[in-house]
Amino acid sequence: MTLEAFAAGLKKARTDKQISLMDISASTRINLKFLEALEEGSFSVLPQTYVRAFIREYADAVGYNVQEAMKQYDALSQPKQAEKTESPGVQVKSAGPSQPLPIENRILGFARQNAVFIGIIVVVAIFVVYLTRPVGDTAPIGDVAETPFDKVVQENQAAVPTQQQEPITLPSVSRLVTVDSLTLEMTTTDSVWMTVTLDGNQTLEYLFSPSRKGSWKAKESFSLTMGNAGGASFSLNGHELGALGKRGAVVRNILISQANLPKQ
């Protein structure tokens, strides 16, 4: 089985149950373009930190055996043993002394023999540029002031209607606050993707690299969905909330509001 055949099997499980990609995007909060790449078997264009999380969420959404899906992907994505490049054959003796090949032929021959290796280098280089490109006016911790909300670049504006599950509320005590008094701040220690919904209305989507800061304001509440939940810590109006989950885990619809602030 190839990675393309594996992806085709996932797609068939979806189409057999008449589930649309839009439905999966709405339920998993995975960007539609990533789901399309997954079904085409184009795993190299996905954020490599989250490929396994995307496959797990997709398989669960279409009723595909999650453990079997992960087992198949791990087996197919393991580096293959190098094949022997030399094989016995008939050697043809030249009629005279061999002549050195022109430099153009030697370069062309090297490129043909190492096409796969060169292709892998190009893909890795593209992914590194994609992952390390600046996101808004964010800054490394301790070097530059934190980034205001209005200057954080939106990676992808949510393009599908949200189908919110029952919000998960953090342990809290009640406290009344005034309008426009909530400020949520974030600091990343690892790469994370996340969506932030402000007061149940505007939804923003981001992909952050390590050592980045973000800040958002709301009147009543924030709702967060994120991958690699242990890769960032949060504070509300200066009150530390910590991480929203474990490293590598996907959490959905975490509700943060004035209820998460201690009593004065």
Protein backbone atom coordinates (compact mmCIF):
# COMPACT_ATOMS: atom_id res chain seq x y z
CA MET A 1 0.00 0.00 0.00
CA THR A 2 1.18 3.53 -0.77
CA LEU A 3 0.39 6.78 1.04
CA GLU A 4 -1.89 7.70 -1.87
CA ALA A 5 -3.82 4.44 -1.49
CA PHE A 6 -4.04 5.01 2.28
CA ALA A 7 -5.47 8.51 1.67
CA ALA A 8 -7.93 7.09 -0.87
CA GLY A 9 -9.15 4.63 1.78
CA LEU A 10 -9.87 7.48 4.19
CA LYS A 11 -11.72 9.38 1.47
CA LYS A 12 -13.82 6.31 0.61
CA ALA A 13 -14.84 5.95 4.26
CA ARG A 14 -16.07 9.55 4.13
CA THR A 15 -17.95 9.29 0.83
CA ASP A 16 -19.54 5.97 1.82
CA LYS A 17 -21.12 7.74 4.78
CA GLN A 18 -22.00 10.80 2.66
CA ILE A 19 -20.04 13.18 4.90
CA SER A 20 -18.76 16.35 3.25
CA LEU A 21 -15.32 17.86 3.79
CA MET A 22 -17.11 21.00 4.99
CA ASP A 23 -18.78 18.95 7.74
CA ILE A 24 -15.43 17.51 8.86
CA SER A 25 -13.81 20.96 8.80
CA ALA A 26 -16.63 22.34 10.95
CA SER A 27 -16.47 19.50 13.50
CA THR A 28 -12.66 19.22 13.75
CA ARG A 29 -11.79 22.89 13.07
CA ILE A 30 -9.10 21.70 10.60
CA ASN A 31 -8.67 24.04 7.64
CA LEU A 32 -10.43 22.83 4.49
CA LYS A 33 -7.25 23.06 2.38
CA PHE A 34 -5.44 20.70 4.79
CA LEU A 35 -8.30 18.17 4.55
CA GLU A 36 -8.15 18.29 0.74
CA ALA A 37 -4.37 17.72 0.80
CA LEU A 38 -4.83 14.79 3.19
CA GLU A 39 -7.35 13.09 0.87
CA GLU A 40 -5.03 13.59 -2.11
CA GLY A 41 -2.17 11.94 -0.23
CA SER A 42 -0.15 15.18 -0.31
CA PHE A 43 1.13 14.76 3.25
CA SER A 44 4.28 16.77 2.54
CA VAL A 45 2.30 20.05 2.28
CA LEU A 46 0.70 19.57 5.72
CA PRO A 47 2.27 21.10 8.84
CA GLN A 48 4.40 18.09 9.80
CA THR A 49 3.94 18.70 13.55
CA TYR A 50 0.21 18.00 13.17
CA VAL A 51 -0.01 15.33 10.42
CA ARG A 52 -0.76 12.55 12.91
CA ALA A 53 -3.28 14.71 14.78
CA PHE A 54 -5.05 15.58 11.50
CA ILE A 55 -5.24 11.90 10.47
CA ARG A 56 -6.55 10.90 13.91
CA GLU A 57 -9.25 13.59 13.88
CA TYR A 58 -10.26 12.82 10.28
CA ALA A 59 -10.50 9.05 10.89
CA ASP A 60 -12.60 9.59 14.01
CA ALA A 61 -14.93 11.97 12.15
CA VAL A 62 -15.66 9.46 9.33
CA GLY A 63 -15.89 6.37 11.56
CA TYR A 64 -12.59 4.87 10.34
CA ASN A 65 -10.74 2.69 12.86
CA VAL A 66 -8.40 5.28 14.41
CA GLN A 67 -5.80 2.82 15.70
CA GLU A 68 -5.69 1.02 12.35
CA ALA A 69 -5.34 4.34 10.51
CA MET A 70 -2.39 5.41 12.66
CA LYS A 71 -0.77 1.98 12.31
CA GLN A 72 -1.07 2.12 8.50
CA TYR A 73 0.28 5.68 8.31
CA ASP A 74 3.26 4.90 10.58
CA ALA A 75 4.15 1.86 8.49
CA LEU A 76 3.96 3.79 5.20
CA SER A 77 5.79 6.89 6.43
CA GLN A 78 8.82 5.02 7.80
CA PRO A 79 11.91 5.61 5.66
CA LYS A 80 12.48 2.75 3.25
CA GLN A 81 15.74 0.89 3.23
CA ALA A 82 18.06 2.04 0.52
CA GLU A 83 17.97 -0.20 -2.52
CA LYS A 84 21.17 -1.57 -3.93
CA THR A 85 22.26 0.54 -6.83
CA GLU A 86 24.69 -1.97 -8.26
CA SER A 87 23.61 -5.24 -9.88
CA PRO A 88 25.57 -7.88 -11.79
CA GLY A 89 25.43 -7.49 -15.52
CA VAL A 90 27.42 -7.75 -18.70
CA GLN A 91 30.29 -5.29 -18.89
CA VAL A 92 31.03 -3.96 -22.33
CA LYS A 93 34.65 -3.24 -22.96
CA SER A 94 35.39 -0.08 -24.81
CA ALA A 95 37.33 -0.22 -28.01
CA GLY A 96 39.76 2.39 -26.83
CA PRO A 97 40.68 4.57 -23.86
CA SER A 98 37.63 6.12 -22.18
CA GLN A 99 37.12 9.82 -22.55
CA PRO A 100 35.94 12.03 -19.66
CA LEU A 101 32.32 13.11 -19.97
CA PRO A 102 31.62 16.80 -20.58
CA ILE A 103 30.78 18.74 -17.40
CA GLU A 104 27.16 19.21 -18.59
CA ASN A 105 26.66 15.44 -18.92
CA ARG A 106 28.17 14.77 -15.50
CA ILE A 107 25.84 17.34 -13.85
CA LEU A 108 22.83 15.89 -15.68
CA GLY A 109 23.79 12.35 -14.67
CA PHE A 110 24.17 13.36 -11.02
CA ALA A 111 20.74 15.03 -11.08
CA ARG A 112 19.11 11.91 -12.55
CA GLN A 113 20.71 9.59 -9.98
CA ASN A 114 19.77 11.81 -7.02
CA ALA A 115 16.38 13.15 -8.14
CA VAL A 116 14.53 11.75 -5.12
CA PHE A 117 17.09 13.11 -2.65
CA ILE A 118 17.06 16.55 -4.29
CA GLY A 119 13.23 16.56 -4.24
CA ILE A 120 13.19 15.77 -0.50
CA ILE A 121 15.62 18.64 0.18
CA VAL A 122 13.40 21.08 -1.77
CA VAL A 123 10.25 19.96 0.13
CA VAL A 124 12.00 20.25 3.52
CA ALA A 125 13.31 23.72 2.60
CA ILE A 126 9.82 24.90 1.60
CA PHE A 127 8.35 23.55 4.86
CA VAL A 128 11.06 25.21 6.98
CA VAL A 129 10.41 28.56 5.26
CA TYR A 130 6.64 28.08 5.78
CA LEU A 131 7.00 27.19 9.48
CA THR A 132 9.53 29.89 10.37
CA ARG A 133 8.03 32.81 8.46
CA PRO A 134 6.94 35.72 10.70
CA VAL A 135 3.36 35.65 12.02
CA GLY A 136 2.19 39.24 12.43
CA ASP A 137 4.26 41.51 14.66
CA THR A 138 5.01 38.78 17.20
CA ALA A 139 8.33 38.84 19.05
CA PRO A 140 10.61 36.43 20.98
CA ILE A 141 9.98 36.31 24.72
CA GLY A 142 11.98 38.88 26.65
CA ASP A 143 13.31 40.73 23.58
CA VAL A 144 10.39 42.73 22.21
CA ALA A 145 7.14 43.93 23.72
CA GLU A 146 4.14 41.60 23.32
CA THR A 147 2.05 41.81 20.17
CA PRO A 148 -1.31 43.66 20.33
CA PHE A 149 -4.31 41.78 18.99
CA ASP A 150 -4.92 44.14 16.08
CA LYS A 151 -1.42 43.48 14.70
CA VAL A 152 -1.48 39.69 14.79
CA VAL A 153 -1.70 38.42 11.20
CA GLN A 154 -4.63 36.08 10.57
CA GLU A 155 -3.38 32.86 8.96
CA ASN A 156 -6.81 31.79 7.81
CA GLN A 157 -10.19 33.42 8.38
CA ALA A 158 -12.66 30.68 9.33
CA ALA A 159 -14.55 29.90 6.09
CA VAL A 160 -17.13 27.46 7.41
CA PRO A 161 -20.08 27.85 9.76
CA THR A 162 -19.12 26.73 13.26
CA GLN A 163 -20.93 23.81 14.80
CA GLN A 164 -20.05 24.39 18.43
CA GLN A 165 -20.02 21.47 20.81
CA GLU A 166 -20.96 22.06 24.42
CA PRO A 167 -18.25 24.45 25.70
CA ILE A 168 -15.77 23.07 28.24
CA THR A 169 -15.39 25.51 31.12
CA LEU A 170 -12.17 25.77 33.10
CA PRO A 171 -12.39 25.42 36.90
CA SER A 172 -13.27 28.86 38.19
CA VAL A 173 -14.97 31.08 40.73
CA SER A 174 -17.52 33.71 39.80
CA ARG A 175 -16.76 37.41 39.50
CA LEU A 176 -18.58 40.25 37.71
CA VAL A 177 -16.53 42.53 35.45
CA THR A 178 -17.27 45.61 33.41
CA VAL A 179 -17.71 45.80 29.64
CA ASP A 180 -14.53 45.51 27.54
CA SER A 181 -12.50 44.41 30.55
CA LEU A 182 -11.23 40.97 29.42
CA THR A 183 -7.70 40.66 28.04
CA LEU A 184 -6.41 37.20 27.10
CA GLU A 185 -2.65 36.85 26.65
CA MET A 186 -0.69 33.90 25.28
CA THR A 187 2.97 32.82 25.16
CA THR A 188 4.05 29.82 23.03
CA THR A 189 6.79 27.34 23.91
CA ASP A 190 6.21 25.17 20.83
CA SER A 191 4.42 25.34 17.45
CA VAL A 192 0.63 25.49 17.85
CA TRP A 193 -2.40 26.06 15.64
CA MET A 194 -5.51 27.56 17.18
CA THR A 195 -8.78 29.38 16.61
CA VAL A 196 -10.10 32.11 18.92
CA THR A 197 -13.77 33.14 18.97
CA LEU A 198 -14.45 36.53 20.55
CA ASP A 199 -17.75 36.87 22.46
CA GLY A 200 -19.27 34.05 20.38
CA ASN A 201 -19.09 36.11 17.17
CA GLN A 202 -15.80 36.68 15.34
CA THR A 203 -13.59 33.58 14.85
CA LEU A 204 -9.87 33.94 14.01
CA GLU A 205 -7.42 31.19 13.06
CA TYR A 206 -3.64 31.16 13.59
CA LEU A 207 -0.48 29.04 13.21
CA PHE A 208 2.16 30.14 15.76
CA SER A 209 5.82 29.12 15.94
CA PRO A 210 7.67 28.83 19.31
CA SER A 211 8.46 31.92 21.46
CA ARG A 212 5.57 34.03 20.22
CA LYS A 213 3.07 36.20 22.12
CA GLY A 214 -0.52 37.11 21.33
CA SER A 215 -3.14 39.30 22.99
CA TRP A 216 -6.92 39.53 22.45
CA LYS A 217 -9.73 41.60 24.04
CA ALA A 218 -13.38 40.70 24.54
CA LYS A 219 -16.42 41.91 26.45
CA GLU A 220 -17.59 38.60 27.91
CA SER A 221 -15.69 35.49 26.77
CA PHE A 222 -13.18 33.71 24.55
CA SER A 223 -13.63 30.21 23.04
CA LEU A 224 -10.43 28.40 22.01
CA THR A 225 -9.74 25.31 19.90
CA MET A 226 -6.10 24.35 19.44
CA GLY A 227 -3.63 21.62 18.51
CA ASN A 228 -0.59 20.82 20.66
CA ALA A 229 -2.44 22.28 23.65
CA GLY A 230 0.59 21.99 25.92
CA GLY A 231 2.65 24.24 23.63
CA ALA A 232 1.27 27.55 24.98
CA SER A 233 0.32 29.13 28.30
CA PHE A 234 -2.38 31.75 28.90
CA SER A 235 -3.28 34.49 31.33
CA LEU A 236 -6.54 36.45 31.76
CA ASN A 237 -6.24 40.04 32.95
CA GLY A 238 -2.82 39.12 34.37
CA HIS A 239 -4.17 36.03 36.18
CA GLU A 240 -2.20 32.92 35.13
CA LEU A 241 -4.31 30.12 33.59
CA GLY A 242 -1.43 27.92 32.41
CA ALA A 243 -1.70 25.46 29.50
CA LEU A 244 -5.11 24.27 28.25
CA GLY A 245 -4.05 20.63 27.75
CA LYS A 246 -1.19 18.21 27.24
CA ARG A 247 1.57 18.57 24.64
CA GLY A 248 0.44 17.12 21.30
CA ALA A 249 -3.24 16.98 22.33
CA VAL A 250 -6.13 18.65 20.47
CA VAL A 251 -8.67 20.50 22.65
CA ARG A 252 -11.90 22.06 21.46
CA ASN A 253 -14.19 24.89 22.57
CA ILE A 254 -12.35 25.81 25.78
CA LEU A 255 -14.41 28.66 27.28
CA ILE A 256 -12.53 31.44 29.08
CA SER A 257 -14.56 34.24 30.70
CA GLN A 258 -14.78 36.46 33.75
CA ALA A 259 -15.61 33.32 35.72
CA ASN A 260 -11.94 32.32 35.45
CA LEU A 261 -10.83 35.33 37.49
CA PRO A 262 -10.41 35.05 41.27
CA LYS A 263 -12.62 37.03 43.60
CA GLN A 264 -11.26 40.32 44.78
